[in-house]
C-alpha atoms as a PDB file:
ATOM      1  CA  MET A   1     -28.087  77.581  42.986  1.00  0.00           C
ATOM      2  CA  LEU A   2     -24.775  76.961  41.208  1.00  0.00           C
ATOM      3  CA  ARG A   3     -21.818  75.665  43.201  1.00  0.00           C
ATOM      4  CA  PHE A   4     -18.234  75.224  42.043  1.00  0.00           C
ATOM      5  CA  GLU A   5     -16.235  72.685  44.049  1.00  0.00           C
ATOM      6  CA  VAL A   6     -12.777  74.229  44.389  1.00  0.00           C
ATOM      7  CA  SER A   7      -9.531  72.543  45.440  1.00  0.00           C
ATOM      8  CA  VAL A   8      -6.179  74.109  46.275  1.00  0.00           C
ATOM      9  CA  GLU A   9      -4.926  72.993  42.855  1.00  0.00           C
ATOM     10  CA  ASP A  10      -7.882  74.733  41.241  1.00  0.00           C
ATOM     11  CA  LEU A  11      -6.892  78.006  42.907  1.00  0.00           C
ATOM     12  CA  LEU A  12      -3.328  77.642  41.642  1.00  0.00           C
ATOM     13  CA  ARG A  13      -4.644  77.207  38.091  1.00  0.00           C
ATOM     14  CA  SER A  14      -7.333  79.904  38.187  1.00  0.00           C
ATOM     15  CA  ARG A  15      -6.694  82.937  36.004  1.00  0.00           C
ATOM     16  CA  PHE A  16      -8.133  86.097  34.481  1.00  0.00           C
ATOM     17  CA  ALA A  17      -8.653  86.790  30.783  1.00  0.00           C
ATOM     18  CA  LEU A  18     -10.424  89.307  28.539  1.00  0.00           C
ATOM     19  CA  SER A  19     -12.910  88.421  25.803  1.00  0.00           C
ATOM     20  CA  PRO A  20     -13.666  91.054  23.141  1.00  0.00           C
ATOM     21  CA  ALA A  21     -15.970  88.601  21.335  1.00  0.00           C
ATOM     22  CA  MET A  22     -18.005  87.960  24.461  1.00  0.00           C
ATOM     23  CA  ASP A  23     -18.481  91.671  25.107  1.00  0.00           C
ATOM     24  CA  LEU A  24     -19.562  92.103  21.485  1.00  0.00           C
ATOM     25  CA  CYS A  25     -22.162  89.370  22.014  1.00  0.00           C
ATOM     26  CA  PHE A  26     -23.382  91.015  25.236  1.00  0.00           C
ATOM     27  CA  LEU A  27     -23.633  94.351  23.409  1.00  0.00           C
ATOM     28  CA  LEU A  28     -25.674  92.796  20.593  1.00  0.00           C
ATOM     29  CA  ARG A  29     -27.950  91.113  23.122  1.00  0.00           C
ATOM     30  CA  SER A  30     -28.525  94.462  24.828  1.00  0.00           C
ATOM     31  CA  LEU A  31     -29.377  96.121  21.530  1.00  0.00           C
ATOM     32  CA  THR A  32     -31.959  93.395  20.820  1.00  0.00           C
ATOM     33  CA  GLY A  33     -33.484  93.655  24.300  1.00  0.00           C
ATOM     34  CA  GLN A  34     -32.237  90.255  25.524  1.00  0.00           C
ATOM     35  CA  ASP A  35     -29.918  91.658  28.179  1.00  0.00           C
ATOM     36  CA  ARG A  36     -29.799  94.741  30.363  1.00  0.00           C
ATOM     37  CA  PRO A  37     -30.623  97.933  28.445  1.00  0.00           C
ATOM     38  CA  LEU A  38     -27.784 100.160  27.388  1.00  0.00           C
ATOM     39  CA  PRO A  39     -27.599 103.669  28.861  1.00  0.00           C
ATOM     40  CA  ARG A  40     -29.735 106.043  26.835  1.00  0.00           C
ATOM     41  CA  ALA A  41     -26.790 107.939  25.373  1.00  0.00           C
ATOM     42  CA  TRP A  42     -25.070 104.728  24.240  1.00  0.00           C
ATOM     43  CA  ASP A  43     -28.262 103.341  22.742  1.00  0.00           C
ATOM     44  CA  ALA A  44     -28.941 106.579  20.852  1.00  0.00           C
ATOM     45  CA  ARG A  45     -25.412 106.589  19.479  1.00  0.00           C
ATOM     46  CA  LEU A  46     -25.256 102.917  18.447  1.00  0.00           C
ATOM     47  CA  ARG A  47     -28.861 102.219  17.436  1.00  0.00           C
ATOM     48  CA  PRO A  48     -28.737 103.738  13.898  1.00  0.00           C
ATOM     49  CA  ALA A  49     -25.620 101.758  12.934  1.00  0.00           C
ATOM     50  CA  PHE A  50     -27.066  98.605  14.499  1.00  0.00           C
ATOM     51  CA  GLU A  51     -30.303  98.875  12.521  1.00  0.00           C
ATOM     52  CA  ARG A  52     -28.384  99.609   9.312  1.00  0.00           C
ATOM     53  CA  LEU A  53     -26.192  96.551   9.851  1.00  0.00           C
ATOM     54  CA  ARG A  54     -29.311  94.425  10.257  1.00  0.00           C
ATOM     55  CA  ARG A  55     -30.565  95.663   6.895  1.00  0.00           C
ATOM     56  CA  GLU A  56     -27.310  95.625   4.936  1.00  0.00           C
ATOM     57  CA  THR A  57     -25.389  92.658   6.379  1.00  0.00           C
ATOM     58  CA  GLU A  58     -26.163  89.185   7.678  1.00  0.00           C
ATOM     59  CA  LEU A  59     -26.146  90.313  11.306  1.00  0.00           C
ATOM     60  CA  ASP A  60     -29.678  88.956  11.832  1.00  0.00           C
ATOM     61  CA  ALA A  61     -28.225  85.458  11.408  1.00  0.00           C
ATOM     62  CA  VAL A  62     -25.851  86.190  14.305  1.00  0.00           C
ATOM     63  CA  LEU A  63     -28.694  87.580  16.420  1.00  0.00           C
ATOM     64  CA  ALA A  64     -30.821  84.492  15.751  1.00  0.00           C
ATOM     65  CA  LEU A  65     -28.188  82.366  17.489  1.00  0.00           C
ATOM     66  CA  HIS A  66     -28.793  84.054  20.856  1.00  0.00           C
ATOM     67  CA  THR A  67     -31.532  83.203  23.315  1.00  0.00           C
ATOM     68  CA  PRO A  68     -32.310  85.076  26.543  1.00  0.00           C
ATOM     69  CA  GLN A  69     -30.388  82.411  28.469  1.00  0.00           C
ATOM     70  CA  SER A  70     -27.502  81.439  26.206  1.00  0.00           C
ATOM     71  CA  GLY A  71     -25.711  81.627  22.889  1.00  0.00           C
ATOM     72  CA  PRO A  72     -23.459  79.460  20.731  1.00  0.00           C
ATOM     73  CA  ASP A  73     -19.918  78.744  21.845  1.00  0.00           C
ATOM     74  CA  PHE A  74     -18.258  79.258  18.485  1.00  0.00           C
ATOM     75  CA  VAL A  75     -19.117  82.986  18.174  1.00  0.00           C
ATOM     76  CA  ALA A  76     -17.391  83.711  21.522  1.00  0.00           C
ATOM     77  CA  PRO A  77     -14.448  81.304  21.799  1.00  0.00           C
ATOM     78  CA  PRO A  78     -12.658  80.866  25.138  1.00  0.00           C
ATOM     79  CA  PRO A  79     -10.043  83.611  25.585  1.00  0.00           C
ATOM     80  CA  ARG A  80      -6.487  82.554  26.284  1.00  0.00           C
ATOM     81  CA  SER A  81      -5.143  85.550  28.215  1.00  0.00           C
ATOM     82  CA  LEU A  82      -5.412  89.205  29.172  1.00  0.00           C
ATOM     83  CA  ASN A  83      -3.832  90.004  25.803  1.00  0.00           C
ATOM     84  CA  GLN A  84      -6.786  88.643  23.825  1.00  0.00           C
ATOM     85  CA  THR A  85      -7.725  90.869  20.875  1.00  0.00           C
ATOM     86  CA  TRP A  86     -10.641  90.953  18.474  1.00  0.00           C
ATOM     87  CA  ALA A  87      -8.294  89.683  15.749  1.00  0.00           C
ATOM     88  CA  ASP A  88      -7.525  86.644  17.940  1.00  0.00           C
ATOM     89  CA  ASP A  89     -11.218  85.980  18.508  1.00  0.00           C
ATOM     90  CA  LEU A  90     -12.121  86.453  14.851  1.00  0.00           C
ATOM     91  CA  ALA A  91      -9.440  83.997  13.731  1.00  0.00           C
ATOM     92  CA  MET A  92     -10.798  81.382  16.152  1.00  0.00           C
ATOM     93  CA  ILE A  93     -14.377  81.968  14.972  1.00  0.00           C
ATOM     94  CA  ARG A  94     -13.361  81.581  11.330  1.00  0.00           C
ATOM     95  CA  ALA A  95     -11.491  78.365  12.144  1.00  0.00           C
ATOM     96  CA  THR A  96     -14.627  76.689  13.582  1.00  0.00           C
ATOM     97  CA  PRO A  97     -15.334  73.356  11.797  1.00  0.00           C
ATOM     98  CA  LEU A  98     -18.661  73.443   9.988  1.00  0.00           C
ATOM     99  CA  GLU A  99     -19.897  70.394  11.894  1.00  0.00           C
ATOM    100  CA  ALA A 100     -19.263  72.084  15.259  1.00  0.00           C
ATOM    101  CA  ALA A 101     -20.965  75.281  14.095  1.00  0.00           C
ATOM    102  CA  ARG A 102     -24.020  73.336  12.871  1.00  0.00           C
ATOM    103  CA  HIS A 103     -24.274  71.630  16.250  1.00  0.00           C
ATOM    104  CA  ASP A 104     -24.306  75.043  17.962  1.00  0.00           C
ATOM    105  CA  ILE A 105     -26.776  76.426  15.425  1.00  0.00           C
ATOM    106  CA  ALA A 106     -29.175  73.525  15.927  1.00  0.00           C
ATOM    107  CA  ALA A 107     -29.033  73.935  19.704  1.00  0.00           C
ATOM    108  CA  ASN A 108     -29.470  77.699  19.797  1.00  0.00           C
ATOM    109  CA  ALA A 109     -31.249  78.952  16.647  1.00  0.00           C
ATOM    110  CA  THR A 110     -34.692  77.853  17.792  1.00  0.00           C
ATOM    111  CA  GLY A 111     -36.622  81.118  18.070  1.00  0.00           C
ATOM    112  CA  PRO A 112     -38.934  82.842  15.572  1.00  0.00           C
ATOM    113  CA  SER A 113     -36.117  84.907  14.062  1.00  0.00           C
ATOM    114  CA  ALA A 114     -34.294  81.711  13.020  1.00  0.00           C
ATOM    115  CA  ARG A 115     -37.252  80.805  10.801  1.00  0.00           C
ATOM    116  CA  ASP A 116     -36.903  83.939   8.690  1.00  0.00           C
ATOM    117  CA  PRO A 117     -36.016  82.693   5.164  1.00  0.00           C
ATOM    118  CA  ARG A 118     -33.140  85.166   4.812  1.00  0.00           C
ATOM    119  CA  VAL A 119     -31.664  84.114   8.147  1.00  0.00           C
ATOM    120  CA  ARG A 120     -32.270  80.416   7.513  1.00  0.00           C
ATOM    121  CA  ALA A 121     -30.421  80.603   4.204  1.00  0.00           C
ATOM    122  CA  VAL A 122     -27.303  81.810   6.047  1.00  0.00           C
ATOM    123  CA  LEU A 123     -27.543  79.312   8.899  1.00  0.00           C
ATOM    124  CA  ASP A 124     -28.037  76.340   6.558  1.00  0.00           C
ATOM    125  CA  SER A 125     -25.363  77.321   4.050  1.00  0.00           C
ATOM    126  CA  THR A 126     -22.074  75.476   3.634  1.00  0.00           C
ATOM    127  CA  ASP A 127     -20.213  78.736   4.282  1.00  0.00           C
ATOM    128  CA  ALA A 128     -22.253  79.651   7.371  1.00  0.00           C
ATOM    129  CA  VAL A 129     -19.143  80.061   9.529  1.00  0.00           C
ATOM    130  CA  SER A 130     -17.448  82.586   7.253  1.00  0.00           C
ATOM    131  CA  ARG A 131     -20.683  84.540   6.710  1.00  0.00           C
ATOM    132  CA  ILE A 132     -21.392  84.737  10.439  1.00  0.00           C
ATOM    133  CA  ALA A 133     -17.773  85.720  11.125  1.00  0.00           C
ATOM    134  CA  GLU A 134     -17.941  88.477   8.502  1.00  0.00           C
ATOM    135  CA  ALA A 135     -21.173  89.878   9.982  1.00  0.00           C
ATOM    136  CA  MET A 136     -19.612  89.895  13.452  1.00  0.00           C
ATOM    137  CA  ASP A 137     -16.484  91.600  12.149  1.00  0.00           C
ATOM    138  CA  GLN A 138     -18.581  94.357  10.597  1.00  0.00           C
ATOM    139  CA  ALA A 139     -20.537  94.741  13.843  1.00  0.00           C
ATOM    140  CA  TRP A 140     -17.304  94.953  15.803  1.00  0.00           C
ATOM    141  CA  HIS A 141     -15.864  97.751  13.678  1.00  0.00           C
ATOM    142  CA  GLU A 142     -19.099  99.753  13.519  1.00  0.00           C
ATOM    143  CA  LEU A 143     -20.372  99.296  17.086  1.00  0.00           C
ATOM    144  CA  LEU A 144     -17.501  98.565  19.443  1.00  0.00           C
ATOM    145  CA  ALA A 145     -14.017  99.124  18.022  1.00  0.00           C
ATOM    146  CA  THR A 146     -13.912 102.871  18.741  1.00  0.00           C
ATOM    147  CA  ASP A 147     -14.867 102.413  22.402  1.00  0.00           C
ATOM    148  CA  TRP A 148     -12.897  99.234  23.016  1.00  0.00           C
ATOM    149  CA  PRO A 149      -9.607 100.848  24.183  1.00  0.00           C
ATOM    150  CA  GLN A 150     -11.476 102.641  26.973  1.00  0.00           C
ATOM    151  CA  LEU A 151     -13.560  99.566  27.825  1.00  0.00           C
ATOM    152  CA  ARG A 152     -10.480  97.348  27.787  1.00  0.00           C
ATOM    153  CA  ALA A 153      -8.732  99.750  30.180  1.00  0.00           C
ATOM    154  CA  ILE A 154     -11.648  99.412  32.602  1.00  0.00           C
ATOM    155  CA  CYS A 155     -11.342  95.614  32.500  1.00  0.00           C
ATOM    156  CA  GLU A 156      -7.573  95.740  32.956  1.00  0.00           C
ATOM    157  CA  ARG A 157      -7.944  98.055  35.950  1.00  0.00           C
ATOM    158  CA  ASP A 158     -10.435  95.605  37.414  1.00  0.00           C
ATOM    159  CA  VAL A 159      -8.006  92.683  37.075  1.00  0.00           C
ATOM    160  CA  VAL A 160      -5.194  94.594  38.781  1.00  0.00           C
ATOM    161  CA  HIS A 161      -7.583  95.416  41.632  1.00  0.00           C
ATOM    162  CA  ARG A 162      -8.686  91.770  42.004  1.00  0.00           C
ATOM    163  CA  VAL A 163      -5.097  90.533  42.018  1.00  0.00           C
ATOM    164  CA  GLY A 164      -4.363  93.043  44.761  1.00  0.00           C
ATOM    165  CA  VAL A 165      -7.309  91.737  46.812  1.00  0.00           C
ATOM    166  CA  ILE A 166      -6.038  88.176  46.369  1.00  0.00           C
ATOM    167  CA  GLY A 167      -2.582  89.259  47.527  1.00  0.00           C
ATOM    168  CA  GLU A 168      -3.823  90.886  50.722  1.00  0.00           C
ATOM    169  CA  HIS A 169      -7.038  89.053  51.633  1.00  0.00           C
ATOM    170  CA  GLY A 170      -7.004  85.772  49.688  1.00  0.00           C
ATOM    171  CA  TRP A 171      -9.165  84.123  47.060  1.00  0.00           C
ATOM    172  CA  ALA A 172     -12.321  83.843  49.171  1.00  0.00           C
ATOM    173  CA  THR A 173     -12.580  87.624  49.621  1.00  0.00           C
ATOM    174  CA  ALA A 174     -11.699  88.257  45.961  1.00  0.00           C
ATOM    175  CA  ILE A 175     -14.374  85.844  44.731  1.00  0.00           C
ATOM    176  CA  GLU A 176     -17.061  87.209  47.047  1.00  0.00           C
ATOM    177  CA  SER A 177     -16.285  90.753  45.865  1.00  0.00           C
ATOM    178  CA  LEU A 178     -17.320  89.861  42.308  1.00  0.00           C
ATOM    179  CA  HIS A 179     -21.052  90.043  43.073  1.00  0.00           C
ATOM    180  CA  PRO A 180     -23.291  90.257  46.172  1.00  0.00           C
ATOM    181  CA  SER A 181     -24.868  86.873  45.375  1.00  0.00           C
ATOM    182  CA  ILE A 182     -21.520  85.013  45.408  1.00  0.00           C
ATOM    183  CA  ALA A 183     -20.346  83.353  48.606  1.00  0.00           C
ATOM    184  CA  TRP A 184     -17.385  81.144  49.505  1.00  0.00           C
ATOM    185  CA  ARG A 185     -18.702  78.276  51.638  1.00  0.00           C
ATOM    186  CA  ALA A 186     -17.103  75.019  52.717  1.00  0.00           C
ATOM    187  CA  GLY A 187     -14.449  74.911  50.024  1.00  0.00           C
ATOM    188  CA  GLY A 188     -16.714  76.000  47.190  1.00  0.00           C
ATOM    189  CA  ILE A 189     -18.112  78.998  45.326  1.00  0.00           C
ATOM    190  CA  GLU A 190     -21.899  79.364  45.546  1.00  0.00           C
ATOM    191  CA  ILE A 191     -23.983  81.647  43.328  1.00  0.00           C
ATOM    192  CA  GLY A 192     -27.458  82.018  44.725  1.00  0.00           C
ATOM    193  CA  PHE A 193     -29.575  83.346  41.864  1.00  0.00           C
ATOM    194  CA  PHE A 194     -28.771  80.603  39.305  1.00  0.00           C
ATOM    195  CA  PRO A 195     -31.377  77.917  38.591  1.00  0.00           C
ATOM    196  CA  PRO A 196     -30.662  74.641  40.425  1.00  0.00           C
ATOM    197  CA  VAL A 197     -27.565  73.209  38.763  1.00  0.00           C
ATOM    198  CA  GLY A 198     -25.893  71.368  41.597  1.00  0.00           C
ATOM    199  CA  ALA A 199     -22.179  71.022  42.150  1.00  0.00           C
ATOM    200  CA  VAL A 200     -19.702  71.568  39.307  1.00  0.00           C
ATOM    201  CA  ARG A 201     -16.209  70.168  39.800  1.00  0.00           C
ATOM    202  CA  LEU A 202     -13.261  72.095  38.413  1.00  0.00           C
ATOM    203  CA  SER A 203     -11.156  68.912  38.499  1.00  0.00           C
ATOM    204  CA  GLY A 204      -7.859  70.721  38.963  1.00  0.00           C
ATOM    205  CA  ASP A 205      -8.292  72.913  35.884  1.00  0.00           C
ATOM    206  CA  GLY A 206      -9.040  76.087  37.803  1.00  0.00           C
ATOM    207  CA  LEU A 207     -11.617  78.777  37.184  1.00  0.00           C
ATOM    208  CA  LEU A 208     -11.484  81.311  34.354  1.00  0.00           C
ATOM    209  CA  LEU A 209     -12.576  84.801  35.484  1.00  0.00           C
ATOM    210  CA  ILE A 210     -13.566  87.357  32.839  1.00  0.00           C
ATOM    211  CA  PRO A 211     -14.449  90.987  33.626  1.00  0.00           C
ATOM    212  CA  SER A 212     -16.999  92.499  31.258  1.00  0.00           C
ATOM    213  CA  VAL A 213     -18.424  95.965  30.719  1.00  0.00           C
ATOM    214  CA  PHE A 214     -21.707  94.702  29.244  1.00  0.00           C
ATOM    215  CA  VAL A 215     -22.692  91.610  31.237  1.00  0.00           C
ATOM    216  CA  GLY A 216     -25.889  92.360  33.114  1.00  0.00           C
ATOM    217  CA  ASN A 217     -25.282  90.158  36.134  1.00  0.00           C
ATOM    218  CA  ILE A 218     -23.096  87.059  36.416  1.00  0.00           C
ATOM    219  CA  ALA A 219     -22.697  84.637  33.526  1.00  0.00           C
ATOM    220  CA  ALA A 220     -21.179  81.166  33.696  1.00  0.00           C
ATOM    221  CA  HIS A 221     -19.784  78.621  31.244  1.00  0.00           C
ATOM    222  CA  LEU A 222     -20.069  75.074  32.525  1.00  0.00           C
ATOM    223  CA  GLU A 223     -19.434  72.883  29.477  1.00  0.00           C
ATOM    224  CA  ASP A 224     -16.623  72.183  27.036  1.00  0.00           C
ATOM    225  CA  PRO A 225     -14.945  73.637  24.997  1.00  0.00           C
ATOM    226  CA  TRP A 226     -14.894  76.398  27.622  1.00  0.00           C
ATOM    227  CA  PRO A 227     -13.096  75.954  30.922  1.00  0.00           C
ATOM    228  CA  ARG A 228     -15.432  76.478  33.860  1.00  0.00           C
ATOM    229  CA  THR A 229     -15.908  80.237  33.743  1.00  0.00           C
ATOM    230  CA  LEU A 230     -17.443  83.158  35.592  1.00  0.00           C
ATOM    231  CA  VAL A 231     -18.101  86.410  33.713  1.00  0.00           C
ATOM    232  CA  TYR A 232     -18.698  89.368  36.011  1.00  0.00           C
ATOM    233  CA  SER A 233     -19.236  93.114  35.760  1.00  0.00           C
ATOM    234  CA  ALA A 234     -15.957  95.040  35.899  1.00  0.00           C
ATOM    235  CA  ARG A 235     -15.440  97.740  38.513  1.00  0.00           C
ATOM    236  CA  GLY A 236     -15.900 101.196  36.986  1.00  0.00           C
ATOM    237  CA  THR A 237     -18.674 100.153  34.614  1.00  0.00           C
ATOM    238  CA  ALA A 238     -21.289 102.138  36.518  1.00  0.00           C
ATOM    239  CA  ALA A 239     -19.220 105.312  36.199  1.00  0.00           C
ATOM    240  CA  LEU A 240     -18.859 104.658  32.474  1.00  0.00           C
ATOM    241  CA  TRP A 241     -22.604 104.321  32.006  1.00  0.00           C
ATOM    242  CA  GLY A 242     -23.269 107.358  34.137  1.00  0.00           C
ATOM    243  CA  GLY A 243     -20.700 109.516  32.384  1.00  0.00           C
ATOM    244  CA  GLN A 244     -17.312 110.649  33.600  1.00  0.00           C
ATOM    245  CA  ALA A 245     -17.679 112.479  36.891  1.00  0.00           C
ATOM    246  CA  ALA A 246     -15.805 115.687  37.378  1.00  0.00           C
ATOM    247  CA  VAL A 247     -12.550 115.170  39.229  1.00  0.00           C
ATOM    248  CA  PRO A 248     -12.228 117.343  42.347  1.00  0.00           C
ATOM    249  CA  ARG A 249      -9.279 119.721  42.480  1.00  0.00           C
ATOM    250  CA  PRO A 250      -8.519 120.549  46.131  1.00  0.00           C
ATOM    251  CA  GLU A 251      -6.458 123.688  46.385  1.00  0.00           C
ATOM    252  CA  ALA A 252      -4.086 122.381  49.088  1.00  0.00           C
ATOM    253  CA  LEU A 253      -3.050 119.329  47.063  1.00  0.00           C
ATOM    254  CA  SER A 254      -2.750 121.443  43.901  1.00  0.00           C
ATOM    255  CA  ALA A 255      -0.507 123.897  45.711  1.00  0.00           C
ATOM    256  CA  LEU A 256       1.740 121.053  46.836  1.00  0.00           C
ATOM    257  CA  VAL A 257       2.173 119.044  43.614  1.00  0.00           C
ATOM    258  CA  GLY A 258       0.597 121.249  40.937  1.00  0.00           C
ATOM    259  CA  ARG A 259      -2.903 121.237  39.517  1.00  0.00           C
ATOM    260  CA  ALA A 260      -2.297 118.659  36.761  1.00  0.00           C
ATOM    261  CA  ARG A 261      -0.504 116.208  39.064  1.00  0.00           C
ATOM    262  CA  ALA A 262      -3.203 116.651  41.716  1.00  0.00           C
ATOM    263  CA  ARG A 263      -5.839 115.720  39.129  1.00  0.00           C
ATOM    264  CA  LEU A 264      -3.867 112.606  38.177  1.00  0.00           C
ATOM    265  CA  LEU A 265      -3.409 111.525  41.797  1.00  0.00           C
ATOM    266  CA  LEU A 266      -7.102 111.982  42.516  1.00  0.00           C
ATOM    267  CA  ALA A 267      -8.111 110.098  39.349  1.00  0.00           C
ATOM    268  CA  LEU A 268      -6.056 107.063  40.343  1.00  0.00           C
ATOM    269  CA  ASP A 269      -8.533 105.665  42.844  1.00  0.00           C
ATOM    270  CA  ALA A 270      -8.185 102.524  40.709  1.00  0.00           C
ATOM    271  CA  PRO A 271      -5.236 101.534  38.471  1.00  0.00           C
ATOM    272  CA  ALA A 272      -5.168 103.253  35.085  1.00  0.00           C
ATOM    273  CA  SER A 273      -2.938 103.538  32.052  1.00  0.00           C
ATOM    274  CA  ASN A 274      -1.444 106.691  30.562  1.00  0.00           C
ATOM    275  CA  SER A 275      -3.908 106.609  27.665  1.00  0.00           C
ATOM    276  CA  HIS A 276      -6.943 106.016  29.897  1.00  0.00           C
ATOM    277  CA  LEU A 277      -5.997 108.959  32.114  1.00  0.00           C
ATOM    278  CA  ALA A 278      -5.381 111.174  29.097  1.00  0.00           C
ATOM    279  CA  ARG A 279      -8.834 110.383  27.680  1.00  0.00           C
ATOM    280  CA  SER A 280     -10.739 110.702  30.937  1.00  0.00           C
ATOM    281  CA  LEU A 281      -9.050 113.964  31.989  1.00  0.00           C
ATOM    282  CA  ALA A 282      -8.777 115.488  28.489  1.00  0.00           C
ATOM    283  CA  MET A 283      -5.004 115.840  28.784  1.00  0.00           C
ATOM    284  CA  ALA A 284      -2.279 115.238  26.208  1.00  0.00           C
ATOM    285  CA  PRO A 285      -0.765 111.722  26.566  1.00  0.00           C
ATOM    286  CA  GLY A 286       2.761 113.150  26.529  1.00  0.00           C
ATOM    287  CA  ALA A 287       1.998 115.555  29.357  1.00  0.00           C
ATOM    288  CA  VAL A 288       0.322 112.763  31.341  1.00  0.00           C
ATOM    289  CA  GLY A 289       3.416 110.591  30.885  1.00  0.00           C
ATOM    290  CA  ASP A 290       5.714 113.365  32.111  1.00  0.00           C
ATOM    291  CA  HIS A 291       3.588 114.023  35.203  1.00  0.00           C
ATOM    292  CA  LEU A 292       3.283 110.301  35.998  1.00  0.00           C
ATOM    293  CA  ALA A 293       7.058 109.917  35.807  1.00  0.00           C
ATOM    294  CA  ILE A 294       7.540 112.775  38.295  1.00  0.00           C
ATOM    295  CA  LEU A 295       4.896 111.390  40.660  1.00  0.00           C
ATOM    296  CA  ARG A 296       6.466 107.946  40.440  1.00  0.00           C
ATOM    297  CA  GLY A 297       9.926 109.374  41.102  1.00  0.00           C
ATOM    298  CA  ALA A 298       8.551 111.055  44.211  1.00  0.00           C
ATOM    299  CA  GLY A 299       7.266 107.727  45.511  1.00  0.00           C
ATOM    300  CA  LEU A 300       3.583 108.607  45.057  1.00  0.00           C
ATOM    301  CA  LEU A 301       2.858 106.068  42.298  1.00  0.00           C
ATOM    302  CA  VAL A 302       4.050 102.650  41.202  1.00  0.00           C
ATOM    303  CA  ARG A 303       3.497 100.754  37.964  1.00  0.00           C
ATOM    304  CA  ALA A 304       2.048  97.308  37.235  1.00  0.00           C
ATOM    305  CA  ARG A 305       1.778  95.533  33.899  1.00  0.00           C
ATOM    306  CA  SER A 306      -1.583  94.045  32.926  1.00  0.00           C
ATOM    307  CA  GLY A 307      -1.505  92.363  29.539  1.00  0.00           C
ATOM    308  CA  ARG A 308      -0.150  94.905  27.094  1.00  0.00           C
ATOM    309  CA  SER A 309      -0.850  97.891  29.292  1.00  0.00           C
ATOM    310  CA  VAL A 310       1.191  99.527  32.037  1.00  0.00           C
ATOM    311  CA  LEU A 311      -1.124 100.658  34.820  1.00  0.00           C
ATOM    312  CA  TYR A 312      -0.309 103.239  37.504  1.00  0.00           C
ATOM    313  CA  ARG A 313      -1.528 103.107  41.081  1.00  0.00           C
ATOM    314  CA  ARG A 314      -1.061 105.230  44.182  1.00  0.00           C
ATOM    315  CA  THR A 315       1.425 104.074  46.813  1.00  0.00           C
ATOM    316  CA  PRO A 316       0.571 104.326  50.532  1.00  0.00           C
ATOM    317  CA  LEU A 317       2.298 107.717  50.477  1.00  0.00           C
ATOM    318  CA  GLY A 318       0.139 108.795  47.539  1.00  0.00           C
ATOM    319  CA  GLU A 319      -2.961 107.546  49.379  1.00  0.00           C
ATOM    320  CA  ALA A 320      -1.962 109.542  52.433  1.00  0.00           C
ATOM    321  CA  LEU A 321      -1.678 112.718  50.349  1.00  0.00           C
ATOM    322  CA  VAL A 322      -5.133 112.402  48.829  1.00  0.00           C
ATOM    323  CA  SER A 323      -6.880 110.875  51.854  1.00  0.00           C
ATOM    324  CA  PRO A 324      -8.132 114.191  53.280  1.00  0.00           C
ATOM    325  CA  HIS A 325      -9.907 114.760  49.950  1.00  0.00           C
ATOM    326  CA  VAL A 326     -11.250 111.295  49.014  1.00  0.00           C
ATOM    327  CA  GLY A 327     -12.307 109.941  52.358  1.00  0.00           C
ATOM    328  CA  GLY A 328      -9.465 107.825  53.733  1.00  0.00           C
ATOM    329  CA  ALA A 329      -6.263 106.099  52.789  1.00  0.00           C
ATOM    330  CA  GLY A 330      -5.418 102.458  52.416  1.00  0.00           C
ATOM    331  CA  ARG A 331      -8.613 101.384  50.658  1.00  0.00           C
ATOM    332  CA  ASP A 332      -6.764  99.192  48.171  1.00  0.00           C
ATOM    333  CA  VAL A 333      -3.719  96.953  48.134  1.00  0.00           C
ATOM    334  CA  PRO A 334      -0.415  98.613  47.198  1.00  0.00           C
ATOM    335  CA  VAL A 335       0.653  97.702  43.681  1.00  0.00           C
ATOM    336  CA  ASP A 336       4.021  96.495  44.929  1.00  0.00           C
ATOM    337  CA  LEU A 337       2.204  93.368  46.107  1.00  0.00           C
ATOM    338  CA  ILE A 338       1.242  92.578  42.511  1.00  0.00           C
ATOM    339  CA  PRO A 339       3.624  90.563  40.301  1.00  0.00           C
ATOM    340  CA  GLY A 340       5.185  92.447  37.435  1.00  0.00           C
ATOM    341  CA  VAL A 341       5.664  95.818  39.080  1.00  0.00           C
ATOM    342  CA  GLY A 342       8.372  97.843  37.369  1.00  0.00           C
END
């Protein structure tokens, strides 16, 4: 079992962030069979490009750095905020001192693939950092960049939801909602399925919480240079893997607010941005923006900023309108409890 000892000061310093580099690493691990399998449709779509990158680039050197339990710190640097981009991560990877990279390589590149002469030549080279960074950049653009806006929106929606839970129910409930194996007990966070680690003190630095669309379970960082970190599966990931479900279109709600606005209200069971709604409902972004403005003016929606995105969420009045169709109102915290509402 893993236990984080948490003080009041730790809670005040705890925060959320996004990590494009970490999700890239989780994706690569899934494609190599080291993490949970990708959905069949995703695997079929990404597998040809992945295999080509292994042949034509130095991606195998990146893959050799990952074990079933861990990977090197320098290829997934600690994110600073919800605004973290792949460009931010790539710059930090490229800035890794060679000595630090070699320490990570020695600790992690211990499997059979690391003994391949082609891979070993990259890992032992004086420009190993730049070559690994270049292979990761190519993998990012070929395997993840196209999907990242949608995946990022899922993570941002998750953060807004968690902040709402904190506002209404407190940190203990928010932490326990991350995963069934997590419990808040006696001033600490306990994760049952980890190997025996003992107690980890946050020492007033807080906990970094990172939603991910690819993490298979719960991942943790316990050693420098990372802050003490929990990586958890973002809400909405299951729907992504299973495909976008059809949105119901009840006739009574459509007659009241119009078919398009009814679809938007029903789709906002979790916070979403204009662009995310446009993609998921196959609507023009401009039309979505116009409808959202009308719904907001009528008091059915409010806005909250998350990083660079503006997310919309139903108000209690909006919940009351859709409740006969989605099974009850008041399931989530109103956005006006979340800082940054416009």
